[in-house]
Each structure stands twice: as C-alpha cells, then as structure tokens.
Amino acid sequence: MFQVRFHGRGGQGVVTAAEMLAVAAFLEGRHAQAFPSFGSERTGAPVVSFCRIDDNEIRLREPILEPDALIVQDPTLLKVVDVCQGLKPDGYLLVNSNRGLHDLHLDAIAGRLPPGHALTVPASELALKHVGRPLPNAALLGAFAALVGIVKLKSVNAAIGEAFAKKIADGNIAAATAAHDAIAGARAAA
C-alpha cells in the first residue's frame, strides 16, 4: 500500500488534491481512498488530507502516520507544523515553493531520504500562470506523478478533467503538465 499525506491550508484545494489522486489511481485499475482531517473549517487554517493506493481492497480508515510521500502545498506550514513527522526513510517529499530545499531549511530531512526523493516545484506560480489563481493542488499532482511514478500524468489529467468544469480543468491540466515536466527535467539532470 502506498500512502500519501497532504499538508496545506484551507482554500488551497488540499482535500480536492487527495480526491483527484485517488481518482487517478482508480482510473489505472487500483483501489484508492481519500479523506480529510481538519479542525476549524476556515480559509487559511491548516488542513491535512490523506490518500491510500493499493492493488487490493483498502480497509484502513485511520489517518496516515507513516506516509510514503508528503505533499506540502503551503511551505509556511514548515515553521508551524512538523509536516515531515513519520515520513518513511525511503519516502518522498514534494514542497510547493520556488525556493530550494536548502532555503526552506529542509537539508537534514532531504539528506535522510534517497537522492532525488525530496524536491520543490513552484506549483502556485504555475497555477497562477495557467489557471489565473495560485491554487497549487493540480500542479502538485502533476509533479507528484513525475517524482513518484505511482500514477501516470495521463491519469492525473483525466482526474482533473473529472473534478472541474472544462475551462478550469484545461488550465489545471496545463499547470499539472508543466509541473510534471519541471520535475522530470530536474530528475533527469540529477
């Protein structure tokens, strides 16, 4: 079973991101589940959502404490919450930022992971460019597909198409594709 934990703030599409990842996995013939965990339901409040992907039926329902991958939609949370808590030693870390891991003070965490398993991508900037709003969720899913490979970009884009009206989906698909290509390029250069 592959388990993904998303960290972000209310209004950034954290819950929608987990749901779209589950749909992408489902489209590839896998079992998947997505669910949120949040306290106050206000814009800007920290939000965590979860996604599990497996080839077999998933019966677990509890929060993911030891994720295989972390997706951080808002890097300001790095100073507020221990978002990397429980990350497996061979896990993946993807952070929405135009800054590098060193600038985000994530060197120690990245150093504990296999090379190339911790990366940043400017998902909000890509979303602003392609969607007109800095909502990073779809772009991060494209980047996640390139980083981890558990789902294909084609499936991510299909899930985005199911989640949004065509005009909004088209922009989000463009952002996801751009983020995917940025991560694929970074991994090839490493």
N, C-alpha and C. Protein backbone atom coordinates (compact mmCIF):
# COMPACT_ATOMS: atom_id res chain seq x y z
N MET A 1 0.85 -1.18 0.00
CA MET A 1 0.00 0.00 0.00
C MET A 1 0.90 1.24 0.00
N PHE A 2 0.54 2.21 -0.82
CA PHE A 2 1.27 3.47 -0.88
C PHE A 2 0.39 4.53 -0.25
N GLN A 3 0.96 5.27 0.73
CA GLN A 3 0.19 6.24 1.50
C GLN A 3 0.76 7.64 1.34
N VAL A 4 -0.13 8.59 1.03
CA VAL A 4 0.28 9.97 0.78
C VAL A 4 -0.45 10.88 1.76
N ARG A 5 0.31 11.79 2.36
CA ARG A 5 -0.29 12.79 3.26
C ARG A 5 -0.06 14.16 2.65
N PHE A 6 -1.12 14.94 2.58
CA PHE A 6 -1.08 16.30 2.05
C PHE A 6 -1.20 17.29 3.19
N HIS A 7 -0.37 18.33 3.18
CA HIS A 7 -0.45 19.41 4.16
C HIS A 7 -0.66 20.72 3.41
N GLY A 8 -1.62 21.49 3.86
CA GLY A 8 -1.86 22.79 3.25
C GLY A 8 -2.73 23.63 4.16
N ARG A 9 -3.34 24.62 3.56
CA ARG A 9 -4.24 25.50 4.31
C ARG A 9 -5.60 25.48 3.63
N GLY A 10 -6.62 25.74 4.44
CA GLY A 10 -7.98 25.78 3.91
C GLY A 10 -8.08 26.74 2.74
N GLY A 11 -8.69 26.30 1.67
CA GLY A 11 -8.86 27.12 0.48
C GLY A 11 -7.83 26.83 -0.60
N GLN A 12 -6.84 25.97 -0.31
CA GLN A 12 -5.81 25.64 -1.30
C GLN A 12 -6.13 24.37 -2.08
N GLY A 13 -7.23 23.73 -1.80
CA GLY A 13 -7.58 22.51 -2.52
C GLY A 13 -6.88 21.27 -2.02
N VAL A 14 -6.56 21.23 -0.73
CA VAL A 14 -5.86 20.09 -0.15
C VAL A 14 -6.73 18.83 -0.22
N VAL A 15 -7.99 18.96 0.14
CA VAL A 15 -8.91 17.82 0.11
C VAL A 15 -9.14 17.39 -1.33
N THR A 16 -9.34 18.34 -2.21
CA THR A 16 -9.56 18.03 -3.63
C THR A 16 -8.35 17.32 -4.23
N ALA A 17 -7.15 17.71 -3.83
CA ALA A 17 -5.93 17.07 -4.33
C ALA A 17 -5.92 15.58 -3.99
N ALA A 18 -6.22 15.26 -2.74
CA ALA A 18 -6.25 13.85 -2.34
C ALA A 18 -7.32 13.09 -3.11
N GLU A 19 -8.47 13.71 -3.30
CA GLU A 19 -9.55 13.07 -4.05
C GLU A 19 -9.15 12.84 -5.51
N MET A 20 -8.50 13.83 -6.13
CA MET A 20 -8.08 13.66 -7.52
C MET A 20 -7.01 12.58 -7.65
N LEU A 21 -6.11 12.48 -6.67
CA LEU A 21 -5.10 11.43 -6.71
C LEU A 21 -5.76 10.06 -6.61
N ALA A 22 -6.76 9.94 -5.75
CA ALA A 22 -7.49 8.68 -5.63
C ALA A 22 -8.19 8.32 -6.94
N VAL A 23 -8.79 9.30 -7.60
CA VAL A 23 -9.44 9.05 -8.89
C VAL A 23 -8.42 8.62 -9.93
N ALA A 24 -7.25 9.28 -9.95
CA ALA A 24 -6.20 8.91 -10.90
C ALA A 24 -5.78 7.45 -10.70
N ALA A 25 -5.62 7.05 -9.44
CA ALA A 25 -5.26 5.65 -9.15
C ALA A 25 -6.37 4.71 -9.58
N PHE A 26 -7.60 5.09 -9.30
CA PHE A 26 -8.76 4.28 -9.68
C PHE A 26 -8.82 4.10 -11.20
N LEU A 27 -8.52 5.16 -11.94
CA LEU A 27 -8.52 5.09 -13.40
C LEU A 27 -7.46 4.13 -13.93
N GLU A 28 -6.45 3.85 -13.13
CA GLU A 28 -5.40 2.90 -13.50
C GLU A 28 -5.69 1.49 -12.97
N GLY A 29 -6.91 1.29 -12.45
CA GLY A 29 -7.31 -0.03 -12.02
C GLY A 29 -6.92 -0.39 -10.59
N ARG A 30 -6.55 0.60 -9.81
CA ARG A 30 -6.16 0.34 -8.43
C ARG A 30 -7.30 0.70 -7.48
N HIS A 31 -7.15 0.26 -6.26
CA HIS A 31 -8.05 0.66 -5.18
C HIS A 31 -7.46 1.92 -4.57
N ALA A 32 -8.31 2.83 -4.15
CA ALA A 32 -7.83 4.08 -3.56
C ALA A 32 -8.88 4.64 -2.62
N GLN A 33 -8.41 5.40 -1.65
CA GLN A 33 -9.30 6.12 -0.75
C GLN A 33 -8.67 7.47 -0.44
N ALA A 34 -9.52 8.45 -0.25
CA ALA A 34 -9.06 9.79 0.11
C ALA A 34 -10.00 10.34 1.17
N PHE A 35 -9.41 11.03 2.16
CA PHE A 35 -10.23 11.63 3.20
C PHE A 35 -9.46 12.75 3.88
N PRO A 36 -10.16 13.74 4.41
CA PRO A 36 -9.50 14.88 5.07
C PRO A 36 -9.47 14.74 6.58
N SER A 37 -8.69 15.62 7.19
CA SER A 37 -8.67 15.77 8.64
C SER A 37 -8.42 17.24 8.91
N PHE A 38 -9.39 17.91 9.48
CA PHE A 38 -9.19 19.32 9.80
C PHE A 38 -10.03 19.71 10.99
N GLY A 39 -9.58 20.74 11.67
CA GLY A 39 -10.31 21.25 12.83
C GLY A 39 -11.29 22.31 12.38
N SER A 40 -10.88 23.55 12.54
CA SER A 40 -11.77 24.64 12.13
C SER A 40 -11.80 24.69 10.61
N GLU A 41 -12.97 24.92 10.08
CA GLU A 41 -13.16 24.89 8.63
C GLU A 41 -13.11 26.29 8.05
N ARG A 42 -12.01 26.99 8.29
CA ARG A 42 -11.93 28.34 7.77
C ARG A 42 -10.75 28.46 6.81
N THR A 43 -10.87 29.37 5.91
CA THR A 43 -9.81 29.62 4.96
C THR A 43 -8.53 29.99 5.69
N GLY A 44 -7.44 29.37 5.31
CA GLY A 44 -6.15 29.65 5.91
C GLY A 44 -5.76 28.75 7.07
N ALA A 45 -6.70 28.02 7.62
CA ALA A 45 -6.39 27.12 8.73
C ALA A 45 -5.65 25.88 8.19
N PRO A 46 -4.72 25.31 8.95
CA PRO A 46 -4.03 24.10 8.50
C PRO A 46 -5.02 22.97 8.22
N VAL A 47 -4.78 22.29 7.12
CA VAL A 47 -5.61 21.16 6.70
C VAL A 47 -4.69 20.02 6.31
N VAL A 48 -5.08 18.81 6.66
CA VAL A 48 -4.36 17.61 6.27
C VAL A 48 -5.35 16.71 5.56
N SER A 49 -4.92 16.12 4.45
CA SER A 49 -5.74 15.11 3.80
C SER A 49 -4.87 13.92 3.45
N PHE A 50 -5.50 12.82 3.19
CA PHE A 50 -4.80 11.56 3.02
C PHE A 50 -5.28 10.84 1.79
N CYS A 51 -4.39 10.04 1.20
CA CYS A 51 -4.75 9.18 0.08
C CYS A 51 -3.98 7.88 0.20
N ARG A 52 -4.69 6.79 0.07
CA ARG A 52 -4.07 5.46 0.06
C ARG A 52 -4.32 4.84 -1.32
N ILE A 53 -3.30 4.16 -1.83
CA ILE A 53 -3.39 3.50 -3.13
C ILE A 53 -2.86 2.09 -2.96
N ASP A 54 -3.61 1.11 -3.47
CA ASP A 54 -3.18 -0.27 -3.36
C ASP A 54 -3.79 -1.09 -4.50
N ASP A 55 -3.20 -2.24 -4.74
CA ASP A 55 -3.77 -3.16 -5.73
C ASP A 55 -4.88 -3.99 -5.12
N ASN A 56 -4.99 -4.00 -3.81
CA ASN A 56 -6.02 -4.75 -3.09
C ASN A 56 -6.98 -3.79 -2.41
N GLU A 57 -8.11 -4.31 -2.00
CA GLU A 57 -9.09 -3.51 -1.29
C GLU A 57 -8.47 -2.89 -0.03
N ILE A 58 -8.83 -1.65 0.24
CA ILE A 58 -8.28 -0.92 1.39
C ILE A 58 -9.35 -0.86 2.48
N ARG A 59 -9.01 -1.39 3.64
CA ARG A 59 -9.97 -1.40 4.75
C ARG A 59 -9.60 -0.42 5.86
N LEU A 60 -8.37 0.06 5.85
CA LEU A 60 -7.93 1.03 6.86
C LEU A 60 -8.72 2.32 6.73
N ARG A 61 -8.95 2.97 7.85
CA ARG A 61 -9.67 4.25 7.84
C ARG A 61 -9.00 5.32 8.70
N GLU A 62 -7.93 4.96 9.37
CA GLU A 62 -7.30 5.93 10.26
C GLU A 62 -6.36 6.85 9.49
N PRO A 63 -6.01 7.98 10.12
CA PRO A 63 -5.07 8.91 9.48
C PRO A 63 -3.73 8.23 9.20
N ILE A 64 -3.02 8.74 8.23
CA ILE A 64 -1.73 8.19 7.83
C ILE A 64 -0.65 8.82 8.71
N LEU A 65 -0.03 8.00 9.55
CA LEU A 65 1.00 8.49 10.46
C LEU A 65 2.41 8.27 9.90
N GLU A 66 2.57 7.29 9.01
CA GLU A 66 3.86 6.99 8.40
C GLU A 66 3.71 6.97 6.89
N PRO A 67 3.66 8.16 6.28
CA PRO A 67 3.42 8.24 4.84
C PRO A 67 4.63 7.80 4.01
N ASP A 68 4.32 7.29 2.83
CA ASP A 68 5.35 7.01 1.83
C ASP A 68 5.71 8.30 1.11
N ALA A 69 4.78 9.24 1.09
CA ALA A 69 5.03 10.52 0.42
C ALA A 69 4.29 11.63 1.14
N LEU A 70 4.93 12.80 1.14
CA LEU A 70 4.34 14.02 1.69
C LEU A 70 4.26 15.06 0.59
N ILE A 71 3.13 15.71 0.50
CA ILE A 71 2.96 16.83 -0.42
C ILE A 71 2.61 18.04 0.43
N VAL A 72 3.47 19.04 0.40
CA VAL A 72 3.28 20.25 1.21
C VAL A 72 2.85 21.37 0.27
N GLN A 73 1.59 21.74 0.38
CA GLN A 73 1.04 22.77 -0.52
C GLN A 73 1.38 24.18 -0.08
N ASP A 74 1.67 24.36 1.21
CA ASP A 74 1.99 25.69 1.72
C ASP A 74 3.25 25.61 2.55
N PRO A 75 4.38 26.12 2.03
CA PRO A 75 5.64 26.00 2.76
C PRO A 75 5.68 26.77 4.08
N THR A 76 4.76 27.69 4.31
CA THR A 76 4.74 28.38 5.61
C THR A 76 4.41 27.41 6.74
N LEU A 77 3.80 26.29 6.41
CA LEU A 77 3.48 25.29 7.43
C LEU A 77 4.73 24.62 7.99
N LEU A 78 5.82 24.68 7.26
CA LEU A 78 7.07 24.06 7.71
C LEU A 78 7.54 24.66 9.04
N LYS A 79 7.16 25.91 9.31
CA LYS A 79 7.54 26.57 10.55
C LYS A 79 6.52 26.38 11.66
N VAL A 80 5.34 25.86 11.31
CA VAL A 80 4.24 25.77 12.26
C VAL A 80 3.94 24.34 12.68
N VAL A 81 4.07 23.40 11.74
CA VAL A 81 3.68 22.01 11.96
C VAL A 81 4.85 21.12 11.55
N ASP A 82 5.06 20.03 12.25
CA ASP A 82 6.08 19.07 11.85
C ASP A 82 5.51 18.20 10.73
N VAL A 83 5.47 18.77 9.54
CA VAL A 83 4.83 18.08 8.41
C VAL A 83 5.57 16.80 8.03
N CYS A 84 6.84 16.71 8.33
CA CYS A 84 7.64 15.54 7.93
C CYS A 84 7.59 14.40 8.95
N GLN A 85 6.84 14.60 10.00
CA GLN A 85 6.73 13.58 11.05
C GLN A 85 6.26 12.26 10.45
N GLY A 86 7.01 11.19 10.74
CA GLY A 86 6.61 9.85 10.32
C GLY A 86 7.00 9.48 8.90
N LEU A 87 7.56 10.41 8.13
CA LEU A 87 7.92 10.10 6.74
C LEU A 87 8.88 8.92 6.71
N LYS A 88 8.56 7.93 5.90
CA LYS A 88 9.39 6.72 5.82
C LYS A 88 10.78 7.06 5.29
N PRO A 89 11.79 6.29 5.71
CA PRO A 89 13.18 6.57 5.29
C PRO A 89 13.39 6.54 3.79
N ASP A 90 12.56 5.82 3.05
CA ASP A 90 12.67 5.78 1.59
C ASP A 90 11.55 6.58 0.94
N GLY A 91 10.94 7.47 1.72
CA GLY A 91 9.79 8.24 1.26
C GLY A 91 10.15 9.37 0.32
N TYR A 92 9.10 10.10 -0.06
CA TYR A 92 9.20 11.22 -1.00
C TYR A 92 8.66 12.48 -0.32
N LEU A 93 9.30 13.60 -0.62
CA LEU A 93 8.85 14.89 -0.11
C LEU A 93 8.76 15.85 -1.27
N LEU A 94 7.58 16.42 -1.48
CA LEU A 94 7.35 17.39 -2.54
C LEU A 94 6.78 18.65 -1.91
N VAL A 95 7.48 19.77 -2.11
CA VAL A 95 7.07 21.03 -1.48
C VAL A 95 6.78 22.06 -2.56
N ASN A 96 5.67 22.75 -2.41
CA ASN A 96 5.29 23.84 -3.30
C ASN A 96 6.11 25.08 -2.93
N SER A 97 7.14 25.34 -3.72
CA SER A 97 7.95 26.53 -3.47
C SER A 97 8.84 26.80 -4.68
N ASN A 98 9.14 28.07 -4.89
CA ASN A 98 10.11 28.44 -5.92
C ASN A 98 11.50 28.51 -5.31
N ARG A 99 11.60 28.20 -4.03
CA ARG A 99 12.89 28.17 -3.32
C ARG A 99 13.37 26.72 -3.23
N GLY A 100 14.65 26.55 -3.04
CA GLY A 100 15.23 25.22 -2.91
C GLY A 100 15.07 24.65 -1.52
N LEU A 101 15.38 23.38 -1.38
CA LEU A 101 15.29 22.71 -0.09
C LEU A 101 16.18 23.36 0.96
N HIS A 102 17.36 23.80 0.56
CA HIS A 102 18.28 24.47 1.49
C HIS A 102 17.65 25.75 2.04
N ASP A 103 17.05 26.54 1.14
CA ASP A 103 16.42 27.79 1.56
C ASP A 103 15.24 27.57 2.50
N LEU A 104 14.61 26.40 2.39
CA LEU A 104 13.48 26.06 3.25
C LEU A 104 13.92 25.33 4.52
N HIS A 105 15.23 25.20 4.71
CA HIS A 105 15.81 24.52 5.87
C HIS A 105 15.39 23.06 5.95
N LEU A 106 15.33 22.42 4.78
CA LEU A 106 14.95 21.01 4.70
C LEU A 106 16.12 20.11 4.34
N ASP A 107 17.34 20.64 4.45
CA ASP A 107 18.53 19.85 4.09
C ASP A 107 18.62 18.55 4.89
N ALA A 108 18.42 18.64 6.18
CA ALA A 108 18.56 17.47 7.04
C ALA A 108 17.54 16.39 6.66
N ILE A 109 16.32 16.80 6.43
CA ILE A 109 15.28 15.83 6.05
C ILE A 109 15.59 15.25 4.68
N ALA A 110 15.93 16.09 3.72
CA ALA A 110 16.26 15.61 2.37
C ALA A 110 17.46 14.68 2.42
N GLY A 111 18.42 14.96 3.31
CA GLY A 111 19.60 14.14 3.43
C GLY A 111 19.33 12.74 3.95
N ARG A 112 18.23 12.57 4.66
CA ARG A 112 17.86 11.25 5.18
C ARG A 112 17.12 10.42 4.15
N LEU A 113 16.67 11.06 3.07
CA LEU A 113 15.92 10.36 2.02
C LEU A 113 16.87 9.96 0.89
N PRO A 114 16.49 8.97 0.10
CA PRO A 114 17.31 8.63 -1.07
C PRO A 114 17.47 9.85 -1.99
N PRO A 115 18.58 9.93 -2.71
CA PRO A 115 18.78 11.07 -3.63
C PRO A 115 17.61 11.21 -4.62
N GLY A 116 17.18 12.45 -4.79
CA GLY A 116 16.08 12.73 -5.72
C GLY A 116 14.69 12.50 -5.16
N HIS A 117 14.58 12.13 -3.88
CA HIS A 117 13.26 11.88 -3.29
C HIS A 117 12.65 13.12 -2.64
N ALA A 118 13.40 14.21 -2.56
CA ALA A 118 12.88 15.45 -1.98
C ALA A 118 13.12 16.58 -2.98
N LEU A 119 12.03 17.20 -3.42
CA LEU A 119 12.13 18.27 -4.42
C LEU A 119 11.12 19.36 -4.14
N THR A 120 11.39 20.53 -4.69
CA THR A 120 10.42 21.63 -4.67
C THR A 120 9.97 21.89 -6.09
N VAL A 121 8.78 22.45 -6.22
CA VAL A 121 8.25 22.85 -7.52
C VAL A 121 7.40 24.10 -7.29
N PRO A 122 7.50 25.10 -8.15
CA PRO A 122 6.72 26.33 -7.96
C PRO A 122 5.26 26.16 -8.42
N ALA A 123 4.54 25.31 -7.73
CA ALA A 123 3.18 24.95 -8.14
C ALA A 123 2.22 26.14 -8.12
N SER A 124 2.33 27.00 -7.12
CA SER A 124 1.44 28.17 -7.06
C SER A 124 1.69 29.10 -8.25
N GLU A 125 2.95 29.29 -8.60
CA GLU A 125 3.28 30.14 -9.75
C GLU A 125 2.77 29.53 -11.05
N LEU A 126 2.91 28.21 -11.19
CA LEU A 126 2.41 27.54 -12.39
C LEU A 126 0.88 27.64 -12.47
N ALA A 127 0.23 27.50 -11.33
CA ALA A 127 -1.23 27.62 -11.30
C ALA A 127 -1.66 29.05 -11.66
N LEU A 128 -0.96 30.03 -11.12
CA LEU A 128 -1.28 31.42 -11.44
C LEU A 128 -1.14 31.67 -12.93
N LYS A 129 -0.10 31.14 -13.51
CA LYS A 129 0.15 31.31 -14.94
C LYS A 129 -0.92 30.63 -15.79
N HIS A 130 -1.29 29.40 -15.45
CA HIS A 130 -2.18 28.61 -16.30
C HIS A 130 -3.66 28.69 -15.91
N VAL A 131 -3.93 28.94 -14.63
CA VAL A 131 -5.31 28.94 -14.14
C VAL A 131 -5.79 30.36 -13.82
N GLY A 132 -4.83 31.23 -13.49
CA GLY A 132 -5.19 32.59 -13.11
C GLY A 132 -5.36 32.76 -11.62
N ARG A 133 -5.18 31.70 -10.86
CA ARG A 133 -5.26 31.73 -9.40
C ARG A 133 -4.14 30.86 -8.84
N PRO A 134 -3.55 31.23 -7.73
CA PRO A 134 -2.41 30.47 -7.19
C PRO A 134 -2.83 29.23 -6.38
N LEU A 135 -3.66 28.39 -6.95
CA LEU A 135 -4.10 27.17 -6.27
C LEU A 135 -3.22 26.01 -6.73
N PRO A 136 -2.34 25.51 -5.86
CA PRO A 136 -1.28 24.59 -6.27
C PRO A 136 -1.65 23.12 -6.41
N ASN A 137 -2.87 22.73 -6.06
CA ASN A 137 -3.16 21.30 -5.93
C ASN A 137 -2.95 20.50 -7.21
N ALA A 138 -3.49 20.94 -8.33
CA ALA A 138 -3.36 20.17 -9.57
C ALA A 138 -1.92 20.13 -10.06
N ALA A 139 -1.23 21.26 -9.97
CA ALA A 139 0.17 21.30 -10.38
C ALA A 139 1.00 20.33 -9.53
N LEU A 140 0.73 20.28 -8.24
CA LEU A 140 1.47 19.37 -7.37
C LEU A 140 1.21 17.91 -7.72
N LEU A 141 0.01 17.61 -8.18
CA LEU A 141 -0.27 16.22 -8.58
C LEU A 141 0.51 15.85 -9.83
N GLY A 142 0.65 16.79 -10.76
CA GLY A 142 1.48 16.53 -11.94
C GLY A 142 2.93 16.28 -11.53
N ALA A 143 3.43 17.12 -10.62
CA ALA A 143 4.80 16.96 -10.12
C ALA A 143 4.94 15.63 -9.38
N PHE A 144 3.94 15.28 -8.59
CA PHE A 144 3.95 14.02 -7.85
C PHE A 144 4.04 12.83 -8.81
N ALA A 145 3.29 12.87 -9.90
CA ALA A 145 3.34 11.78 -10.88
C ALA A 145 4.75 11.60 -11.42
N ALA A 146 5.46 12.70 -11.68
CA ALA A 146 6.84 12.61 -12.18
C ALA A 146 7.80 12.15 -11.10
N LEU A 147 7.61 12.61 -9.88
CA LEU A 147 8.53 12.29 -8.79
C LEU A 147 8.42 10.84 -8.35
N VAL A 148 7.20 10.36 -8.17
CA VAL A 148 6.98 9.05 -7.55
C VAL A 148 6.69 7.96 -8.58
N GLY A 149 5.88 8.27 -9.58
CA GLY A 149 5.55 7.29 -10.62
C GLY A 149 4.47 6.30 -10.24
N ILE A 150 3.78 6.51 -9.14
CA ILE A 150 2.73 5.58 -8.73
C ILE A 150 1.47 5.75 -9.59
N VAL A 151 1.30 6.95 -10.16
CA VAL A 151 0.24 7.20 -11.14
C VAL A 151 0.88 7.92 -12.32
N LYS A 152 0.22 7.83 -13.45
CA LYS A 152 0.72 8.47 -14.66
C LYS A 152 0.09 9.86 -14.82
N LEU A 153 0.80 10.75 -15.51
CA LEU A 153 0.29 12.09 -15.76
C LEU A 153 -1.05 12.02 -16.50
N LYS A 154 -1.18 11.10 -17.41
CA LYS A 154 -2.43 10.95 -18.17
C LYS A 154 -3.62 10.72 -17.22
N SER A 155 -3.42 9.89 -16.21
CA SER A 155 -4.48 9.62 -15.24
C SER A 155 -4.75 10.82 -14.35
N VAL A 156 -3.70 11.53 -13.95
CA VAL A 156 -3.86 12.75 -13.16
C VAL A 156 -4.68 13.76 -13.95
N ASN A 157 -4.32 13.94 -15.22
CA ASN A 157 -5.05 14.90 -16.05
C ASN A 157 -6.51 14.49 -16.25
N ALA A 158 -6.77 13.19 -16.38
CA ALA A 158 -8.15 12.71 -16.50
C ALA A 158 -8.92 12.99 -15.21
N ALA A 159 -8.28 12.79 -14.06
CA ALA A 159 -8.93 13.06 -12.77
C ALA A 159 -9.23 14.55 -12.63
N ILE A 160 -8.30 15.40 -13.08
CA ILE A 160 -8.54 16.84 -13.05
C ILE A 160 -9.73 17.18 -13.94
N GLY A 161 -9.80 16.54 -15.10
CA GLY A 161 -10.92 16.76 -16.02
C GLY A 161 -12.26 16.38 -15.42
N GLU A 162 -12.25 15.36 -14.56
CA GLU A 162 -13.49 14.95 -13.89
C GLU A 162 -13.86 15.89 -12.74
N ALA A 163 -12.86 16.51 -12.13
CA ALA A 163 -13.10 17.32 -10.94
C ALA A 163 -13.59 18.73 -11.25
N PHE A 164 -13.22 19.26 -12.41
CA PHE A 164 -13.51 20.65 -12.72
C PHE A 164 -14.23 20.80 -14.05
N ALA A 165 -14.92 21.94 -14.19
CA ALA A 165 -15.52 22.29 -15.48
C ALA A 165 -14.40 22.45 -16.51
N LYS A 166 -14.71 22.29 -17.78
CA LYS A 166 -13.71 22.23 -18.84
C LYS A 166 -12.72 23.40 -18.83
N LYS A 167 -13.19 24.62 -18.74
CA LYS A 167 -12.29 25.77 -18.80
C LYS A 167 -11.30 25.75 -17.63
N ILE A 168 -11.79 25.46 -16.44
CA ILE A 168 -10.93 25.38 -15.25
C ILE A 168 -10.02 24.16 -15.35
N ALA A 169 -10.58 23.04 -15.82
CA ALA A 169 -9.79 21.81 -15.96
C ALA A 169 -8.64 22.01 -16.93
N ASP A 170 -8.90 22.68 -18.04
CA ASP A 170 -7.85 22.88 -19.05
C ASP A 170 -6.66 23.63 -18.46
N GLY A 171 -6.90 24.67 -17.70
CA GLY A 171 -5.82 25.41 -17.06
C GLY A 171 -5.08 24.58 -16.04
N ASN A 172 -5.82 23.81 -15.25
CA ASN A 172 -5.20 22.95 -14.24
C ASN A 172 -4.40 21.82 -14.87
N ILE A 173 -4.89 21.30 -15.98
CA ILE A 173 -4.14 20.26 -16.70
C ILE A 173 -2.84 20.85 -17.25
N ALA A 174 -2.90 22.07 -17.76
CA ALA A 174 -1.68 22.73 -18.24
C ALA A 174 -0.69 22.94 -17.10
N ALA A 175 -1.18 23.34 -15.92
CA ALA A 175 -0.30 23.53 -14.76
C ALA A 175 0.29 22.20 -14.30
N ALA A 176 -0.54 21.16 -14.27
CA ALA A 176 -0.06 19.83 -13.87
C ALA A 176 1.01 19.33 -14.83
N THR A 177 0.79 19.54 -16.11
CA THR A 177 1.75 19.10 -17.13
C THR A 177 3.06 19.87 -17.00
N ALA A 178 2.97 21.17 -16.78
CA ALA A 178 4.18 21.99 -16.61
C ALA A 178 4.97 21.56 -15.38
N ALA A 179 4.27 21.27 -14.28
CA ALA A 179 4.94 20.83 -13.05
C ALA A 179 5.56 19.44 -13.25
N HIS A 180 4.85 18.57 -13.94
CA HIS A 180 5.36 17.25 -14.25
C HIS A 180 6.66 17.37 -15.04
N ASP A 181 6.64 18.20 -16.06
CA ASP A 181 7.83 18.38 -16.91
C ASP A 181 8.99 18.99 -16.13
N ALA A 182 8.69 19.91 -15.21
CA ALA A 182 9.75 20.53 -14.39
C ALA A 182 10.42 19.48 -13.51
N ILE A 183 9.62 18.62 -12.88
CA ILE A 183 10.19 17.58 -12.01
C ILE A 183 10.92 16.53 -12.82
N ALA A 184 10.34 16.14 -13.94
CA ALA A 184 11.02 15.15 -14.81
C ALA A 184 12.36 15.70 -15.28
N GLY A 185 12.40 16.98 -15.60
CA GLY A 185 13.66 17.62 -16.02
C GLY A 185 14.67 17.68 -14.89
N ALA A 186 14.21 18.00 -13.68
CA ALA A 186 15.09 18.07 -12.52
C ALA A 186 15.67 16.70 -12.18
N ARG A 187 14.83 15.66 -12.30
CA ARG A 187 15.30 14.31 -12.00
C ARG A 187 16.29 13.83 -13.05
N ALA A 188 16.06 14.20 -14.31
CA ALA A 188 16.97 13.80 -15.38
C ALA A 188 18.33 14.49 -15.24
N ALA A 189 18.30 15.72 -14.75
CA ALA A 189 19.54 16.50 -14.59
C ALA A 189 20.36 16.03 -13.38
N ALA A 190 19.71 15.38 -12.42
CA ALA A 190 20.39 14.96 -11.18
C ALA A 190 21.28 13.74 -11.39
